[in-house]
Amino acid sequence: MTILNKADQTQGKIQYHVRVKPGDVAKYVLLPGDPARADRVAKYLDDPVLIANNREYRTFTGTYKGVGVSVTSTGIGCPSASIAVEELANVGAEVFIRIGSSAALQPEIRIGDLLVSSGSMKNEGTSRYYVPDCFPAVPDLELTHTMIQTARSMKSELDFGLHVGICASDDAFYGETQEWIEKLAKLGVMNVEMESSAIYTVAHVRKLKAACICAVSGNLITGEVVYEKENTRLVEGWDKEIKVVLESIYRFETNQDK
C-alpha cells in the first residue's frame, strides 16, 4: 500500500484548486475573500492579467510601482484560505496579505475604519491540523510593522480610522451568540473575521510571511450594521485597504535591500 504524499504530488505543478502553475503568481499575493474583490484589486495594478478562475479562487497578476503583485480570492473560512496559501506557495508565492471585511468588537470602531491584526485567536478547526491548540497565530512582525507605518502615513490623505490589535477567527458566522460576542469583547479582542489564523499558521509552518488588514463592515457591540442595502462605507474601506497594502508591499520590498 502506498499512502499519497500531497506535498510531493503538488509542489511546482498546476494546482488542483487554485489552478495556477509556476510563473503565474508573484512573490506578493493579496488575499480577499470575495472573488469580486480580486477584480477590485486588479484595477490598481499595472498590466493585470486574469490567470485563473476556479471555484472560489480568482487570480490576477500584475505589478505595482514595478513590484510583482498577485491577488487570489479565498472564499469564506479557514479551510479554503489555507488551501489558497498552500497552493500559491507551491508555485512560488512567499508573502500573503489578507485584505478582508470584519466586524468590530470595541465601541470606538466605526464602519469603514481599517484594522491591522497583531495576532489572531484561533476559534477554528483548520489550524489544529498544523499546530497544537496552544500554539499562537501571529503575523510576520516586520511586514505588519511596515503596514502599520504605511497606514499611519496615509491616514490623513485617505481619511480613515486606524486600529491595531488582536482579532478572532471564528468558524460559524451564524453561530456567534450574544454571549460569545460579549466574551470576546471583554477579552479586548478588536474584531472577528474568519480566515487570518489559518493564514498565519500555514505561513509560519511553511516559513513564509503573512499579515492581515480588514475594513470594518459593522460593529457587533454598538449594533452599527448594514445588512439590507449597500454598505457604502465598507466599500470605501475596501479601496483604502487595497491602497495601503499595495504601498506597504512597495515599501517592504524596497527596504529589503537596505
Protein backbone atom coordinates (compact mmCIF):
# COMPACT_ATOMS: atom_id res chain seq x y z
CA MET A 1 0.00 0.00 0.00
CA THR A 2 1.29 3.45 -0.95
CA ILE A 3 -0.05 6.42 1.02
CA LEU A 4 -0.20 9.59 -1.05
CA ASN A 5 2.13 12.42 -0.03
CA LYS A 6 0.20 15.53 -1.06
CA ALA A 7 3.21 17.81 -0.57
CA ASP A 8 5.27 15.83 -3.05
CA GLN A 9 2.44 15.48 -5.54
CA THR A 10 1.52 19.18 -5.68
CA GLN A 11 4.85 21.01 -5.44
CA GLY A 12 5.71 23.05 -8.53
CA LYS A 13 2.79 21.86 -10.66
CA ILE A 14 -0.54 23.28 -11.78
CA GLN A 15 -2.56 23.39 -8.58
CA TYR A 16 -5.72 21.35 -8.08
CA HIS A 17 -7.98 24.07 -6.62
CA VAL A 18 -6.41 27.42 -7.45
CA ARG A 19 -5.39 26.27 -10.96
CA VAL A 20 -2.14 28.24 -11.12
CA LYS A 21 1.29 26.94 -12.09
CA PRO A 22 4.89 28.10 -11.52
CA GLY A 23 5.41 31.53 -13.04
CA ASP A 24 1.73 32.52 -12.78
CA VAL A 25 1.87 34.35 -9.45
CA ALA A 26 4.16 36.93 -7.92
CA LYS A 27 6.10 36.83 -4.65
CA TYR A 28 3.41 39.01 -3.04
CA VAL A 29 -0.23 37.89 -3.00
CA LEU A 30 -3.26 39.75 -1.67
CA LEU A 31 -5.99 37.50 -0.28
CA PRO A 32 -9.55 38.89 -0.30
CA GLY A 33 -12.40 36.55 0.49
CA ASP A 34 -14.84 37.59 -2.23
CA PRO A 35 -13.81 36.80 -5.85
CA ALA A 36 -15.32 40.15 -6.89
CA ARG A 37 -12.72 41.93 -4.78
CA ALA A 38 -9.96 40.30 -6.80
CA ASP A 39 -11.26 42.38 -9.71
CA ARG A 40 -11.26 45.46 -7.47
CA VAL A 41 -7.59 44.90 -6.64
CA ALA A 42 -6.72 44.32 -10.31
CA LYS A 43 -7.86 47.87 -11.13
CA TYR A 44 -4.98 49.20 -9.03
CA LEU A 45 -2.34 47.05 -10.73
CA ASP A 46 -0.38 47.82 -13.88
CA ASP A 47 -0.98 45.34 -16.70
CA PRO A 48 -3.18 42.94 -14.69
CA VAL A 49 -3.81 39.54 -16.25
CA LEU A 50 -6.56 37.13 -15.21
CA ILE A 51 -4.62 33.94 -14.52
CA ALA A 52 -7.27 31.54 -13.26
CA ASN A 53 -10.87 31.41 -12.10
CA ASN A 54 -11.91 28.18 -10.39
CA ARG A 55 -14.36 27.62 -7.54
CA GLU A 56 -13.91 30.47 -5.04
CA TYR A 57 -10.36 31.16 -6.27
CA ARG A 58 -9.97 34.04 -8.76
CA THR A 59 -6.39 35.14 -9.50
CA PHE A 60 -4.87 38.15 -11.24
CA THR A 61 -1.19 39.04 -11.57
CA GLY A 62 0.25 42.46 -12.38
CA THR A 63 2.66 44.99 -10.94
CA TYR A 64 2.59 47.97 -8.58
CA LYS A 65 5.39 50.51 -8.94
CA GLY A 66 7.40 47.81 -10.66
CA VAL A 67 6.87 45.18 -7.95
CA GLY A 68 5.11 41.97 -8.97
CA VAL A 69 1.79 41.51 -7.17
CA SER A 70 -0.93 38.89 -7.44
CA VAL A 71 -4.38 38.67 -5.89
CA THR A 72 -6.28 35.44 -5.19
CA SER A 73 -9.69 35.27 -3.58
CA THR A 74 -10.06 32.63 -0.88
CA GLY A 75 -13.78 32.30 -0.29
CA ILE A 76 -15.11 32.20 3.26
CA GLY A 77 -13.39 30.49 6.15
CA CYS A 78 -10.12 28.93 7.20
CA PRO A 79 -10.28 25.68 5.18
CA SER A 80 -10.45 27.41 1.80
CA ALA A 81 -7.98 30.12 2.89
CA SER A 82 -5.42 27.51 3.95
CA ILE A 83 -5.76 25.74 0.60
CA ALA A 84 -5.09 29.03 -1.19
CA VAL A 85 -1.90 29.69 0.79
CA GLU A 86 -0.67 26.10 0.39
CA GLU A 87 -1.20 26.01 -3.36
CA LEU A 88 0.10 29.52 -4.03
CA ALA A 89 3.21 28.67 -2.01
CA ASN A 90 3.63 25.51 -4.08
CA VAL A 91 4.16 27.65 -7.19
CA GLY A 92 6.41 30.32 -5.65
CA ALA A 93 4.41 32.87 -3.64
CA GLU A 94 6.16 33.98 -0.45
CA VAL A 95 4.23 36.86 1.15
CA PHE A 96 0.50 36.77 1.85
CA ILE A 97 -1.67 39.68 3.00
CA ARG A 98 -5.31 39.10 3.79
CA ILE A 99 -7.47 42.09 2.79
CA GLY A 100 -10.80 41.41 4.39
CA SER A 101 -14.04 42.64 5.85
CA SER A 102 -14.56 42.27 9.56
CA ALA A 103 -16.98 43.01 12.38
CA ALA A 104 -15.67 45.26 15.15
CA LEU A 105 -15.95 44.29 18.82
CA GLN A 106 -14.91 47.55 20.51
CA PRO A 107 -17.30 50.53 20.74
CA GLU A 108 -14.97 53.19 19.31
CA ILE A 109 -14.54 51.40 15.96
CA ARG A 110 -16.75 52.54 13.07
CA ILE A 111 -17.81 51.11 9.73
CA GLY A 112 -15.12 51.83 7.12
CA ASP A 113 -12.25 52.00 9.64
CA LEU A 114 -9.18 49.87 8.95
CA LEU A 115 -7.97 47.17 11.35
CA VAL A 116 -4.43 45.78 11.32
CA SER A 117 -4.12 42.44 13.07
CA SER A 118 -1.31 41.85 15.58
CA GLY A 119 -2.45 38.28 16.24
CA SER A 120 -5.45 36.00 15.93
CA MET A 121 -7.47 33.99 18.43
CA LYS A 122 -7.88 30.52 16.90
CA ASN A 123 -11.60 29.77 17.22
CA GLU A 124 -11.47 27.42 14.23
CA GLY A 125 -10.56 23.85 13.40
CA THR A 126 -8.17 24.18 10.46
CA SER A 127 -5.03 25.31 12.27
CA ARG A 128 -5.07 22.36 14.68
CA TYR A 129 -4.16 20.11 11.76
CA TYR A 130 -0.86 22.03 11.59
CA VAL A 131 -0.02 23.02 15.19
CA PRO A 132 -1.26 22.38 18.76
CA ASP A 133 -4.17 24.48 20.02
CA CYS A 134 -1.83 26.32 22.40
CA PHE A 135 0.41 27.47 19.53
CA PRO A 136 -0.12 31.19 18.75
CA ALA A 137 -1.35 32.51 15.41
CA VAL A 138 0.65 35.67 14.69
CA PRO A 139 1.55 37.61 11.55
CA ASP A 140 5.05 38.44 10.35
CA LEU A 141 6.41 41.21 12.60
CA GLU A 142 8.34 43.20 10.00
CA LEU A 143 5.61 43.02 7.38
CA THR A 144 2.95 44.05 9.88
CA HIS A 145 5.10 46.91 11.18
CA THR A 146 5.55 48.18 7.63
CA MET A 147 1.80 48.02 7.07
CA ILE A 148 1.05 49.91 10.29
CA GLN A 149 3.58 52.62 9.46
CA THR A 150 2.29 52.91 5.90
CA ALA A 151 -1.32 53.13 7.08
CA ARG A 152 -0.41 55.87 9.54
CA SER A 153 1.34 57.85 6.81
CA MET A 154 -1.71 57.57 4.51
CA LYS A 155 -4.37 58.04 7.19
CA SER A 156 -4.98 61.76 6.77
CA GLU A 157 -4.85 61.62 2.97
CA LEU A 158 -7.36 58.77 2.65
CA ASP A 159 -9.40 59.73 5.75
CA PHE A 160 -9.89 56.54 7.75
CA GLY A 161 -9.81 55.44 11.36
CA LEU A 162 -6.96 53.04 12.12
CA HIS A 163 -6.84 50.39 14.85
CA VAL A 164 -4.26 47.73 15.68
CA GLY A 165 -4.95 44.72 17.88
CA ILE A 166 -5.84 41.06 18.30
CA CYS A 167 -8.61 39.64 16.16
CA ALA A 168 -10.58 36.40 16.41
CA SER A 169 -11.02 33.87 13.62
CA ASP A 170 -14.37 32.11 14.04
CA ASP A 171 -15.79 29.18 12.06
CA ALA A 172 -19.54 29.84 12.31
CA PHE A 173 -20.88 33.21 11.14
CA TYR A 174 -24.38 32.47 12.47
CA GLY A 175 -23.17 30.52 15.48
CA GLU A 176 -21.81 33.59 17.27
CA THR A 177 -24.23 34.13 20.15
CA GLN A 178 -24.62 37.39 22.04
CA GLU A 179 -22.82 35.76 24.96
CA TRP A 180 -19.91 34.75 22.75
CA ILE A 181 -19.59 38.22 21.23
CA GLU A 182 -19.67 39.80 24.70
CA LYS A 183 -16.97 37.40 25.90
CA LEU A 184 -14.65 38.28 23.02
CA ALA A 185 -15.22 41.99 23.57
CA LYS A 186 -14.44 41.73 27.30
CA LEU A 187 -11.18 39.95 26.42
CA GLY A 188 -10.21 43.05 24.45
CA VAL A 189 -10.48 41.36 21.06
CA MET A 190 -10.62 44.07 18.40
CA ASN A 191 -12.65 42.30 15.74
CA VAL A 192 -13.87 38.98 14.45
CA GLU A 193 -13.30 37.52 10.99
CA MET A 194 -12.90 34.03 9.55
CA GLU A 195 -9.53 33.47 7.87
CA SER A 196 -6.47 35.11 9.41
CA SER A 197 -5.46 32.48 11.99
CA ALA A 198 -5.14 29.73 9.38
CA ILE A 199 -3.26 32.03 7.01
CA TYR A 200 -0.79 32.91 9.77
CA THR A 201 -0.40 29.26 10.78
CA VAL A 202 0.21 27.88 7.30
CA ALA A 203 2.63 30.71 6.53
CA HIS A 204 4.57 30.02 9.73
CA VAL A 205 4.78 26.28 9.12
CA ARG A 206 5.99 26.86 5.57
CA LYS A 207 8.44 29.62 6.63
CA LEU A 208 6.60 32.31 4.68
CA LYS A 209 5.30 35.76 5.65
CA ALA A 210 1.69 36.74 6.30
CA ALA A 211 -0.27 39.74 7.56
CA CYS A 212 -3.87 40.90 7.69
CA ILE A 213 -5.79 44.15 7.34
CA CYS A 214 -9.57 44.42 7.34
CA ALA A 215 -12.13 47.10 6.61
CA VAL A 216 -14.92 47.28 9.17
CA SER A 217 -18.29 46.04 7.93
CA GLY A 218 -20.18 46.66 11.17
CA ASN A 219 -19.91 46.78 14.95
CA LEU A 220 -21.45 43.88 16.88
CA ILE A 221 -21.20 45.73 20.22
CA THR A 222 -22.87 49.01 19.23
CA GLY A 223 -25.26 47.41 16.76
CA GLU A 224 -24.00 49.55 13.88
CA VAL A 225 -24.56 47.12 11.00
CA VAL A 226 -25.76 47.34 7.39
CA TYR A 227 -27.40 44.16 6.09
CA GLU A 228 -30.19 45.16 3.69
CA LYS A 229 -28.58 47.81 1.45
CA GLU A 230 -25.16 48.59 0.01
CA ASN A 231 -22.65 49.28 2.76
CA THR A 232 -21.01 52.29 1.11
CA ARG A 233 -18.53 53.00 3.91
CA LEU A 234 -17.34 49.40 3.78
CA VAL A 235 -16.87 49.63 0.02
CA GLU A 236 -14.79 52.78 0.53
CA GLY A 237 -12.82 50.90 3.20
CA TRP A 238 -12.00 48.13 0.73
CA ASP A 239 -10.43 50.62 -1.66
CA LYS A 240 -8.49 52.27 1.16
CA GLU A 241 -7.08 49.00 2.47
CA ILE A 242 -6.02 48.00 -1.05
CA LYS A 243 -4.14 51.27 -1.45
CA VAL A 244 -2.48 50.83 1.95
CA VAL A 245 -1.44 47.25 1.23
CA LEU A 246 -0.04 47.94 -2.22
CA GLU A 247 2.03 50.83 -0.90
CA SER A 248 3.13 48.63 2.03
CA ILE A 249 4.32 45.97 -0.39
CA TYR A 250 6.32 48.52 -2.35
CA ARG A 251 7.95 49.89 0.82
CA PHE A 252 8.58 46.43 2.25
CA GLU A 253 10.18 45.20 -0.98
CA THR A 254 12.37 48.27 -1.50
CA ASN A 255 13.57 48.17 2.11
CA GLN A 256 14.66 44.52 1.87
CA ASP A 257 17.87 45.54 0.16
CA LYS A 258 18.83 48.20 2.73
